[in-house]
Amino acid sequence: MRGELKHIQTELGITTIYSTSDQLEAMALSDTVAVINKGKIEQIGPPGEVFKNPCNVFVAQLISDPPMNILEARIENGLIVVDCDVNFQFPLPGDAPPTLIDQPNGKVLVGIRPKDIACFTTDSQLVDTRGRTREVDILGQTAITMVTVGCLEIKVKVATNDAPDRDTLVGLKVDTSKLHFFDATTQRRLT
């Protein structure tokens, strides 16, 4: 049905306003998307741009399936240190926003999409941290795995064939080239 609606829109060349709470439908049908939160427009732009550069934590979590992981962290000696009760740190990417260094007390919110975290065995030298799988939801070709890392619950999206079993120790590796940074107080994107 989405394809047919998009085809009719394009064929007739008419402007259409379509309101939906289904972000996947909005992204699929729109040339321009307006993300609204409690009556306030948070961000307007092409779907791809809103997905790649969400202006704040609300948009980042809404325009993601499943929602983006938002982790409280601090910047220390070129590392991103996630605030939890286990060792979870990874290098600051070279293209990190310069404003990151100026954050009060080095505190920042780090956004990581579930698809940008890989699962490994716990003995792998590649991992940034280790955790235990709490849930594994098989969704056809992909699976969403909820991993407990210290006091955190982190969503990881993997191919179903690569999904770990429930209640298994796993290692996690973050793709630091795909991180999103937000101000810890205002929750606005750092640029």
N, C-alpha and C. Protein backbone atom coordinates (compact mmCIF):
# COMPACT_ATOMS: atom_id res chain seq x y z
N MET A 1 0.82 -1.19 0.00
CA MET A 1 0.00 0.00 0.00
C MET A 1 0.87 1.26 0.00
N ARG A 2 1.99 1.22 0.78
CA ARG A 2 2.90 2.37 0.81
C ARG A 2 3.41 2.68 -0.59
N GLY A 3 3.82 1.63 -1.29
CA GLY A 3 4.35 1.80 -2.64
C GLY A 3 3.33 2.42 -3.57
N GLU A 4 2.08 1.99 -3.45
CA GLU A 4 1.01 2.51 -4.31
C GLU A 4 0.74 3.98 -3.99
N LEU A 5 0.70 4.34 -2.70
CA LEU A 5 0.50 5.74 -2.32
C LEU A 5 1.63 6.62 -2.85
N LYS A 6 2.87 6.15 -2.72
CA LYS A 6 4.03 6.91 -3.21
C LYS A 6 3.95 7.08 -4.72
N HIS A 7 3.54 6.03 -5.42
CA HIS A 7 3.40 6.08 -6.87
C HIS A 7 2.34 7.11 -7.28
N ILE A 8 1.20 7.11 -6.61
CA ILE A 8 0.13 8.06 -6.93
C ILE A 8 0.60 9.50 -6.68
N GLN A 9 1.27 9.72 -5.56
CA GLN A 9 1.81 11.05 -5.24
C GLN A 9 2.72 11.54 -6.36
N THR A 10 3.64 10.69 -6.76
CA THR A 10 4.64 11.06 -7.78
C THR A 10 3.97 11.28 -9.13
N GLU A 11 3.07 10.38 -9.49
CA GLU A 11 2.41 10.45 -10.79
C GLU A 11 1.56 11.71 -10.92
N LEU A 12 0.84 12.07 -9.87
CA LEU A 12 -0.03 13.24 -9.93
C LEU A 12 0.72 14.54 -9.63
N GLY A 13 1.88 14.42 -9.00
CA GLY A 13 2.68 15.61 -8.70
C GLY A 13 2.00 16.56 -7.73
N ILE A 14 1.26 16.01 -6.79
CA ILE A 14 0.55 16.86 -5.83
C ILE A 14 1.22 16.82 -4.47
N THR A 15 1.13 17.94 -3.76
CA THR A 15 1.64 18.02 -2.40
C THR A 15 0.64 17.33 -1.48
N THR A 16 1.13 16.47 -0.63
CA THR A 16 0.28 15.71 0.28
C THR A 16 0.81 15.86 1.69
N ILE A 17 -0.07 16.13 2.63
CA ILE A 17 0.31 16.13 4.05
C ILE A 17 -0.28 14.87 4.64
N TYR A 18 0.59 14.09 5.23
CA TYR A 18 0.20 12.80 5.78
C TYR A 18 0.66 12.73 7.22
N SER A 19 -0.25 12.53 8.16
CA SER A 19 0.09 12.48 9.58
C SER A 19 0.03 11.03 10.05
N THR A 20 1.11 10.59 10.70
CA THR A 20 1.16 9.23 11.20
C THR A 20 2.07 9.16 12.42
N SER A 21 1.78 8.21 13.30
CA SER A 21 2.66 7.97 14.44
C SER A 21 3.64 6.84 14.13
N ASP A 22 3.55 6.28 12.93
CA ASP A 22 4.43 5.19 12.50
C ASP A 22 5.63 5.78 11.78
N GLN A 23 6.80 5.84 12.46
CA GLN A 23 7.95 6.51 11.87
C GLN A 23 8.44 5.80 10.61
N LEU A 24 8.29 4.48 10.53
CA LEU A 24 8.73 3.77 9.31
C LEU A 24 7.88 4.17 8.12
N GLU A 25 6.59 4.32 8.35
CA GLU A 25 5.68 4.74 7.28
C GLU A 25 5.99 6.17 6.85
N ALA A 26 6.23 7.04 7.80
CA ALA A 26 6.56 8.44 7.50
C ALA A 26 7.84 8.51 6.66
N MET A 27 8.85 7.75 7.05
CA MET A 27 10.13 7.77 6.33
C MET A 27 9.97 7.21 4.92
N ALA A 28 9.17 6.16 4.77
CA ALA A 28 9.00 5.52 3.47
C ALA A 28 8.20 6.37 2.48
N LEU A 29 7.23 7.13 2.98
CA LEU A 29 6.33 7.87 2.09
C LEU A 29 6.74 9.32 1.83
N SER A 30 7.62 9.85 2.63
CA SER A 30 7.86 11.30 2.61
C SER A 30 9.06 11.72 1.78
N ASP A 31 8.94 12.91 1.21
CA ASP A 31 10.09 13.62 0.65
C ASP A 31 10.66 14.53 1.73
N THR A 32 9.76 15.02 2.60
CA THR A 32 10.14 15.85 3.75
C THR A 32 9.36 15.37 4.95
N VAL A 33 10.06 15.26 6.07
CA VAL A 33 9.44 14.78 7.30
C VAL A 33 9.51 15.88 8.35
N ALA A 34 8.45 16.03 9.13
CA ALA A 34 8.46 16.94 10.28
C ALA A 34 8.23 16.07 11.52
N VAL A 35 9.18 16.08 12.42
CA VAL A 35 9.06 15.31 13.66
C VAL A 35 8.49 16.25 14.71
N ILE A 36 7.34 15.85 15.26
CA ILE A 36 6.62 16.69 16.21
C ILE A 36 6.57 15.99 17.57
N ASN A 37 6.86 16.75 18.62
CA ASN A 37 6.85 16.23 19.98
C ASN A 37 5.99 17.16 20.83
N LYS A 38 4.87 16.65 21.32
CA LYS A 38 3.96 17.42 22.16
C LYS A 38 3.59 18.75 21.51
N GLY A 39 3.29 18.72 20.22
CA GLY A 39 2.86 19.91 19.50
C GLY A 39 3.98 20.82 19.02
N LYS A 40 5.23 20.49 19.32
CA LYS A 40 6.37 21.31 18.92
C LYS A 40 7.15 20.60 17.83
N ILE A 41 7.47 21.34 16.76
CA ILE A 41 8.29 20.76 15.69
C ILE A 41 9.72 20.67 16.18
N GLU A 42 10.25 19.45 16.21
CA GLU A 42 11.63 19.21 16.64
C GLU A 42 12.61 19.32 15.48
N GLN A 43 12.22 18.77 14.31
CA GLN A 43 13.12 18.77 13.16
C GLN A 43 12.32 18.58 11.88
N ILE A 44 12.75 19.28 10.83
CA ILE A 44 12.16 19.13 9.50
C ILE A 44 13.29 18.86 8.52
N GLY A 45 13.07 17.92 7.60
CA GLY A 45 14.07 17.66 6.58
C GLY A 45 13.75 16.40 5.80
N PRO A 46 14.58 16.11 4.80
CA PRO A 46 14.42 14.84 4.07
C PRO A 46 14.60 13.67 5.03
N PRO A 47 13.89 12.57 4.82
CA PRO A 47 13.99 11.44 5.75
C PRO A 47 15.42 10.97 5.99
N GLY A 48 16.22 10.88 4.96
CA GLY A 48 17.60 10.43 5.12
C GLY A 48 18.42 11.35 5.99
N GLU A 49 18.20 12.65 5.85
CA GLU A 49 18.94 13.64 6.64
C GLU A 49 18.52 13.58 8.12
N VAL A 50 17.22 13.45 8.36
CA VAL A 50 16.72 13.37 9.74
C VAL A 50 17.27 12.10 10.41
N PHE A 51 17.36 11.01 9.65
CA PHE A 51 17.89 9.76 10.19
C PHE A 51 19.39 9.89 10.48
N LYS A 52 20.14 10.45 9.55
CA LYS A 52 21.60 10.55 9.70
C LYS A 52 22.03 11.58 10.74
N ASN A 53 21.29 12.69 10.83
CA ASN A 53 21.67 13.79 11.72
C ASN A 53 20.52 14.24 12.60
N PRO A 54 20.05 13.38 13.51
CA PRO A 54 18.95 13.81 14.39
C PRO A 54 19.39 14.99 15.24
N CYS A 55 18.52 15.98 15.38
CA CYS A 55 18.87 17.23 16.07
C CYS A 55 18.90 17.08 17.59
N ASN A 56 18.26 16.04 18.13
CA ASN A 56 18.26 15.86 19.57
C ASN A 56 17.96 14.39 19.91
N VAL A 57 18.00 14.07 21.19
CA VAL A 57 17.80 12.70 21.64
C VAL A 57 16.41 12.18 21.27
N PHE A 58 15.38 13.02 21.39
CA PHE A 58 14.02 12.60 21.05
C PHE A 58 13.95 12.10 19.61
N VAL A 59 14.46 12.89 18.68
CA VAL A 59 14.42 12.51 17.26
C VAL A 59 15.29 11.26 17.03
N ALA A 60 16.46 11.22 17.66
CA ALA A 60 17.37 10.08 17.49
C ALA A 60 16.71 8.77 17.89
N GLN A 61 15.95 8.78 18.97
CA GLN A 61 15.31 7.55 19.42
C GLN A 61 14.03 7.24 18.64
N LEU A 62 13.34 8.27 18.17
CA LEU A 62 12.10 8.04 17.42
C LEU A 62 12.40 7.51 16.02
N ILE A 63 13.37 8.11 15.34
CA ILE A 63 13.66 7.74 13.96
C ILE A 63 14.76 6.67 13.97
N SER A 64 14.43 5.53 14.51
CA SER A 64 15.35 4.40 14.58
C SER A 64 14.53 3.18 14.92
N ASP A 65 14.87 2.05 14.34
CA ASP A 65 14.14 0.83 14.60
C ASP A 65 15.11 -0.32 14.82
N PRO A 66 15.32 -0.73 16.05
CA PRO A 66 14.76 -0.24 17.31
C PRO A 66 15.38 1.10 17.69
N PRO A 67 14.86 1.73 18.75
CA PRO A 67 15.38 3.04 19.15
C PRO A 67 16.89 3.02 19.43
N MET A 68 17.52 4.17 19.16
CA MET A 68 18.95 4.33 19.39
C MET A 68 19.26 4.17 20.87
N ASN A 69 20.39 3.52 21.18
CA ASN A 69 20.90 3.46 22.55
C ASN A 69 21.47 4.83 22.89
N ILE A 70 21.08 5.41 24.00
CA ILE A 70 21.63 6.68 24.47
C ILE A 70 22.34 6.39 25.79
N LEU A 71 23.66 6.58 25.80
CA LEU A 71 24.47 6.24 26.96
C LEU A 71 25.09 7.49 27.57
N GLU A 72 25.01 7.59 28.89
CA GLU A 72 25.69 8.67 29.60
C GLU A 72 27.17 8.32 29.64
N ALA A 73 28.02 9.28 29.26
CA ALA A 73 29.45 9.01 29.19
C ALA A 73 30.22 10.28 29.53
N ARG A 74 31.53 10.13 29.57
CA ARG A 74 32.42 11.28 29.74
C ARG A 74 33.63 11.08 28.84
N ILE A 75 34.25 12.18 28.49
CA ILE A 75 35.44 12.15 27.64
C ILE A 75 36.66 12.24 28.55
N GLU A 76 37.54 11.26 28.42
CA GLU A 76 38.76 11.23 29.24
C GLU A 76 39.93 10.77 28.39
N ASN A 77 40.94 11.61 28.22
CA ASN A 77 42.18 11.23 27.53
C ASN A 77 41.94 10.57 26.18
N GLY A 78 41.07 11.16 25.37
CA GLY A 78 40.81 10.63 24.04
C GLY A 78 39.93 9.39 24.00
N LEU A 79 39.34 9.07 25.14
CA LEU A 79 38.44 7.91 25.22
C LEU A 79 37.04 8.36 25.60
N ILE A 80 36.06 7.60 25.16
CA ILE A 80 34.68 7.76 25.61
C ILE A 80 34.49 6.70 26.69
N VAL A 81 34.23 7.13 27.89
CA VAL A 81 34.07 6.21 29.02
C VAL A 81 32.59 6.23 29.40
N VAL A 82 31.93 5.09 29.22
CA VAL A 82 30.50 4.98 29.50
C VAL A 82 30.32 4.82 31.00
N ASP A 83 29.36 5.59 31.55
CA ASP A 83 29.09 5.55 32.99
C ASP A 83 28.24 4.33 33.33
N CYS A 84 28.92 3.29 33.76
CA CYS A 84 28.26 2.09 34.29
C CYS A 84 29.26 1.43 35.22
N ASP A 85 28.85 0.38 35.86
CA ASP A 85 29.70 -0.21 36.89
C ASP A 85 30.66 -1.28 36.35
N VAL A 86 30.93 -1.29 35.04
CA VAL A 86 31.91 -2.19 34.44
C VAL A 86 32.78 -1.38 33.48
N ASN A 87 33.86 -1.96 33.03
CA ASN A 87 34.75 -1.29 32.10
C ASN A 87 34.10 -1.26 30.70
N PHE A 88 33.71 -0.08 30.26
CA PHE A 88 33.11 0.09 28.94
C PHE A 88 33.63 1.40 28.39
N GLN A 89 34.62 1.31 27.53
CA GLN A 89 35.20 2.50 26.91
C GLN A 89 35.66 2.17 25.51
N PHE A 90 35.72 3.21 24.70
CA PHE A 90 36.18 3.05 23.33
C PHE A 90 36.76 4.37 22.87
N PRO A 91 37.59 4.34 21.81
CA PRO A 91 38.29 5.56 21.39
C PRO A 91 37.35 6.61 20.80
N LEU A 92 37.69 7.85 21.04
CA LEU A 92 36.99 8.98 20.45
C LEU A 92 37.30 8.99 18.96
N PRO A 93 36.30 9.04 18.08
CA PRO A 93 36.60 9.05 16.65
C PRO A 93 37.30 10.35 16.23
N GLY A 94 38.10 10.26 15.20
CA GLY A 94 38.85 11.42 14.72
C GLY A 94 37.97 12.55 14.25
N ASP A 95 36.75 12.25 13.79
CA ASP A 95 35.86 13.29 13.29
C ASP A 95 34.84 13.74 14.34
N ALA A 96 35.13 13.49 15.61
CA ALA A 96 34.23 13.90 16.70
C ALA A 96 34.09 15.42 16.69
N PRO A 97 32.90 15.93 17.03
CA PRO A 97 32.70 17.38 17.03
C PRO A 97 33.63 18.08 18.03
N PRO A 98 34.24 19.21 17.62
CA PRO A 98 35.14 19.93 18.52
C PRO A 98 34.46 20.37 19.82
N THR A 99 33.15 20.61 19.78
CA THR A 99 32.43 21.04 20.98
C THR A 99 32.38 19.95 22.05
N LEU A 100 32.72 18.73 21.68
CA LEU A 100 32.71 17.61 22.63
C LEU A 100 33.68 17.85 23.78
N ILE A 101 34.81 18.42 23.47
CA ILE A 101 35.85 18.65 24.47
C ILE A 101 35.41 19.72 25.48
N ASP A 102 34.51 20.62 25.07
CA ASP A 102 34.09 21.74 25.92
C ASP A 102 32.92 21.42 26.85
N GLN A 103 32.47 20.18 26.88
CA GLN A 103 31.30 19.84 27.68
C GLN A 103 31.63 19.91 29.18
N PRO A 104 30.70 20.46 29.98
CA PRO A 104 30.94 20.56 31.43
C PRO A 104 31.27 19.20 32.04
N ASN A 105 32.36 19.14 32.78
CA ASN A 105 32.82 17.91 33.43
C ASN A 105 33.08 16.78 32.44
N GLY A 106 33.19 17.12 31.14
CA GLY A 106 33.43 16.10 30.12
C GLY A 106 32.24 15.21 29.86
N LYS A 107 31.07 15.54 30.47
CA LYS A 107 29.89 14.68 30.33
C LYS A 107 29.21 14.89 28.99
N VAL A 108 28.74 13.79 28.43
CA VAL A 108 28.10 13.81 27.12
C VAL A 108 27.15 12.62 27.02
N LEU A 109 26.18 12.72 26.14
CA LEU A 109 25.32 11.58 25.81
C LEU A 109 25.81 11.04 24.48
N VAL A 110 26.02 9.75 24.41
CA VAL A 110 26.49 9.11 23.19
C VAL A 110 25.36 8.26 22.64
N GLY A 111 25.01 8.49 21.37
CA GLY A 111 23.98 7.70 20.71
C GLY A 111 24.63 6.65 19.82
N ILE A 112 24.18 5.41 19.99
CA ILE A 112 24.69 4.30 19.18
C ILE A 112 23.48 3.51 18.68
N ARG A 113 23.36 3.45 17.35
CA ARG A 113 22.26 2.65 16.79
C ARG A 113 22.56 1.16 17.04
N PRO A 114 21.53 0.37 17.33
CA PRO A 114 21.73 -1.06 17.58
C PRO A 114 22.46 -1.78 16.44
N LYS A 115 22.29 -1.33 15.22
CA LYS A 115 22.95 -1.97 14.07
C LYS A 115 24.44 -1.65 14.02
N ASP A 116 24.89 -0.66 14.81
CA ASP A 116 26.29 -0.25 14.81
C ASP A 116 27.09 -0.86 15.97
N ILE A 117 26.55 -1.91 16.56
CA ILE A 117 27.23 -2.67 17.60
C ILE A 117 27.30 -4.11 17.14
N ALA A 118 28.49 -4.69 17.18
CA ALA A 118 28.68 -6.08 16.76
C ALA A 118 28.86 -6.98 17.98
N CYS A 119 28.37 -8.21 17.87
CA CYS A 119 28.54 -9.22 18.92
C CYS A 119 29.70 -10.13 18.57
N PHE A 120 30.52 -10.44 19.56
CA PHE A 120 31.63 -11.37 19.41
C PHE A 120 31.62 -12.33 20.60
N THR A 121 32.49 -13.32 20.54
CA THR A 121 32.69 -14.16 21.71
C THR A 121 33.43 -13.33 22.75
N THR A 122 33.32 -13.69 24.00
CA THR A 122 33.92 -12.89 25.07
C THR A 122 35.45 -12.94 25.06
N ASP A 123 36.04 -13.95 24.41
CA ASP A 123 37.50 -14.03 24.41
C ASP A 123 38.13 -13.23 23.27
N SER A 124 37.32 -12.60 22.42
CA SER A 124 37.85 -11.80 21.32
C SER A 124 38.57 -10.57 21.85
N GLN A 125 39.70 -10.25 21.24
CA GLN A 125 40.47 -9.06 21.61
C GLN A 125 39.85 -7.78 21.03
N LEU A 126 38.86 -7.92 20.15
CA LEU A 126 38.25 -6.77 19.47
C LEU A 126 37.22 -6.04 20.32
N VAL A 127 36.75 -6.65 21.39
CA VAL A 127 35.58 -6.12 22.09
C VAL A 127 35.90 -4.90 22.95
N ASP A 128 34.89 -4.01 23.06
CA ASP A 128 34.97 -2.82 23.91
C ASP A 128 34.47 -3.13 25.32
N THR A 129 33.56 -4.09 25.43
CA THR A 129 33.02 -4.50 26.73
C THR A 129 32.36 -5.86 26.58
N ARG A 130 31.94 -6.39 27.70
CA ARG A 130 31.27 -7.69 27.70
C ARG A 130 29.97 -7.58 28.48
N GLY A 131 29.02 -8.43 28.12
CA GLY A 131 27.73 -8.43 28.82
C GLY A 131 27.03 -9.76 28.65
N ARG A 132 25.82 -9.84 29.18
CA ARG A 132 25.03 -11.06 29.11
C ARG A 132 23.72 -10.78 28.38
N THR A 133 23.36 -11.65 27.45
CA THR A 133 22.11 -11.47 26.72
C THR A 133 20.95 -11.75 27.65
N ARG A 134 19.98 -10.83 27.62
CA ARG A 134 18.78 -10.98 28.45
C ARG A 134 17.61 -11.45 27.61
N GLU A 135 17.52 -10.90 26.40
CA GLU A 135 16.44 -11.26 25.47
C GLU A 135 17.01 -11.37 24.07
N VAL A 136 16.42 -12.23 23.26
CA VAL A 136 16.77 -12.32 21.84
C VAL A 136 15.45 -12.42 21.09
N ASP A 137 15.12 -11.37 20.33
CA ASP A 137 13.87 -11.35 19.55
C ASP A 137 14.21 -11.57 18.09
N ILE A 138 13.79 -12.71 17.55
CA ILE A 138 14.01 -13.04 16.14
C ILE A 138 12.93 -12.36 15.31
N LEU A 139 13.34 -11.54 14.33
CA LEU A 139 12.39 -10.77 13.52
C LEU A 139 12.52 -11.12 12.04
N GLY A 140 12.78 -12.36 11.72
CA GLY A 140 13.01 -12.74 10.33
C GLY A 140 14.50 -12.73 10.05
N GLN A 141 14.94 -11.85 9.14
CA GLN A 141 16.36 -11.79 8.78
C GLN A 141 17.23 -11.19 9.87
N THR A 142 16.64 -10.39 10.75
CA THR A 142 17.42 -9.77 11.82
C THR A 142 16.87 -10.18 13.19
N ALA A 143 17.71 -9.98 14.18
CA ALA A 143 17.31 -10.25 15.56
C ALA A 143 17.74 -9.06 16.42
N ILE A 144 16.92 -8.71 17.38
CA ILE A 144 17.26 -7.67 18.34
C ILE A 144 17.64 -8.39 19.63
N THR A 145 18.85 -8.13 20.09
CA THR A 145 19.35 -8.75 21.30
C THR A 145 19.51 -7.68 22.36
N MET A 146 18.94 -7.91 23.53
CA MET A 146 19.10 -7.00 24.66
C MET A 146 20.23 -7.56 25.51
N VAL A 147 21.29 -6.75 25.68
CA VAL A 147 22.47 -7.19 26.41
C VAL A 147 22.62 -6.34 27.67
N THR A 148 22.78 -6.99 28.80
CA THR A 148 23.02 -6.30 30.06
C THR A 148 24.52 -6.11 30.22
N VAL A 149 24.93 -4.84 30.30
CA VAL A 149 26.34 -4.48 30.51
C VAL A 149 26.38 -3.66 31.79
N GLY A 150 26.81 -4.27 32.87
CA GLY A 150 26.77 -3.58 34.16
C GLY A 150 25.35 -3.16 34.47
N CYS A 151 25.15 -1.87 34.69
CA CYS A 151 23.82 -1.34 35.02
C CYS A 151 23.03 -0.95 33.77
N LEU A 152 23.56 -1.19 32.57
CA LEU A 152 22.92 -0.76 31.33
C LEU A 152 22.24 -1.90 30.60
N GLU A 153 21.21 -1.55 29.84
CA GLU A 153 20.58 -2.46 28.89
C GLU A 153 20.86 -1.90 27.50
N ILE A 154 21.55 -2.65 26.67
CA ILE A 154 21.96 -2.17 25.35
C ILE A 154 21.33 -3.06 24.28
N LYS A 155 20.67 -2.41 23.31
CA LYS A 155 20.06 -3.13 22.20
C LYS A 155 21.10 -3.31 21.09
N VAL A 156 21.16 -4.53 20.54
CA VAL A 156 22.08 -4.85 19.45
C VAL A 156 21.26 -5.51 18.35
N LYS A 157 21.45 -5.06 17.11
CA LYS A 157 20.71 -5.63 15.98
C LYS A 157 21.70 -6.42 15.13
N VAL A 158 21.44 -7.72 14.99
CA VAL A 158 22.34 -8.60 14.24
C VAL A 158 21.53 -9.46 13.27
N ALA A 159 22.24 -10.08 12.34
CA ALA A 159 21.58 -11.05 11.46
C ALA A 159 21.11 -12.22 12.32
N THR A 160 19.96 -12.76 12.01
CA THR A 160 19.39 -13.85 12.81
C THR A 160 20.36 -15.01 12.95
N ASN A 161 21.08 -15.34 11.87
CA ASN A 161 22.03 -16.45 11.93
C ASN A 161 23.18 -16.17 12.89
N ASP A 162 23.45 -14.90 13.20
CA ASP A 162 24.55 -14.53 14.11
C ASP A 162 24.07 -14.23 15.52
N ALA A 163 22.78 -14.36 15.76
CA ALA A 163 22.23 -13.99 17.07
C ALA A 163 22.70 -14.96 18.15
N PRO A 164 23.17 -14.42 19.27
CA PRO A 164 23.57 -15.30 20.37
C PRO A 164 22.33 -15.87 21.06
N ASP A 165 22.52 -16.91 21.84
CA ASP A 165 21.43 -17.48 22.62
C ASP A 165 21.13 -16.57 23.80
N ARG A 166 19.94 -16.74 24.35
CA ARG A 166 19.55 -16.00 25.55
C ARG A 166 20.42 -16.46 26.72
N ASP A 167 20.72 -15.53 27.64
CA ASP A 167 21.51 -15.80 28.84
C ASP A 167 22.92 -16.33 28.49
N THR A 168 23.55 -15.66 27.51
CA THR A 168 24.90 -16.01 27.07
C THR A 168 25.81 -14.81 27.26
N LEU A 169 27.05 -15.05 27.66
CA LEU A 169 28.04 -13.97 27.73
C LEU A 169 28.50 -13.65 26.32
N VAL A 170 28.54 -12.34 26.00
CA VAL A 170 28.97 -11.89 24.67
C VAL A 170 29.91 -10.69 24.82
N GLY A 171 30.73 -10.48 23.81
CA GLY A 171 31.55 -9.29 23.72
C GLY A 171 30.90 -8.32 22.74
N LEU A 172 30.98 -7.03 23.00
CA LEU A 172 30.39 -6.01 22.13
C LEU A 172 31.48 -5.09 21.60
N LYS A 173 31.37 -4.76 20.32
CA LYS A 173 32.28 -3.83 19.66
C LYS A 173 31.45 -2.73 19.02
N VAL A 174 31.77 -1.47 19.36
CA VAL A 174 31.05 -0.30 18.85
C VAL A 174 31.75 0.22 17.60
N ASP A 175 30.98 0.50 16.55
CA ASP A 175 31.53 1.15 15.35
C ASP A 175 31.60 2.65 15.65
N THR A 176 32.77 3.12 16.04
CA THR A 176 32.91 4.50 16.49
C THR A 176 32.74 5.51 15.36
N SER A 177 32.78 5.07 14.12
CA SER A 177 32.58 6.00 13.00
C SER A 177 31.11 6.39 12.84
N LYS A 178 30.22 5.72 13.58
CA LYS A 178 28.78 5.96 13.43
C LYS A 178 28.14 6.54 14.69
N LEU A 179 28.94 7.07 15.60
CA LEU A 179 28.41 7.59 16.85
C LEU A 179 27.70 8.93 16.66
N HIS A 180 26.77 9.21 17.56
CA HIS A 180 26.06 10.49 17.62
C HIS A 180 26.31 11.06 19.01
N PHE A 181 26.57 12.38 19.08
CA PHE A 181 26.88 13.01 20.36
C PHE A 181 25.85 14.09 20.67
N PHE A 182 25.40 14.09 21.93
CA PHE A 182 24.39 15.04 22.38
C PHE A 182 24.84 15.68 23.68
N ASP A 183 24.44 16.94 23.89
CA ASP A 183 24.73 17.66 25.12
C ASP A 183 24.01 16.95 26.27
N ALA A 184 24.70 16.69 27.36
CA ALA A 184 24.12 15.95 28.49
C ALA A 184 23.00 16.71 29.17
N THR A 185 22.99 18.04 29.07
CA THR A 185 21.96 18.84 29.73
C THR A 185 20.79 19.13 28.79
N THR A 186 21.07 19.66 27.61
CA THR A 186 19.99 20.07 26.71
C THR A 186 19.50 18.93 25.82
N GLN A 187 20.27 17.89 25.70
CA GLN A 187 20.00 16.75 24.82
C GLN A 187 20.00 17.14 23.33
N ARG A 188 20.58 18.28 22.99
CA ARG A 188 20.71 18.73 21.60
C ARG A 188 21.96 18.12 20.99
N ARG A 189 21.93 17.89 19.69
CA ARG A 189 23.08 17.32 18.97
C ARG A 189 24.27 18.27 19.05
N LEU A 190 25.45 17.70 19.27
CA LEU A 190 26.68 18.48 19.26
C LEU A 190 27.25 18.47 17.84
N THR A 191 27.55 19.66 17.33
CA THR A 191 28.08 19.73 15.96
C THR A 191 29.44 20.41 15.98
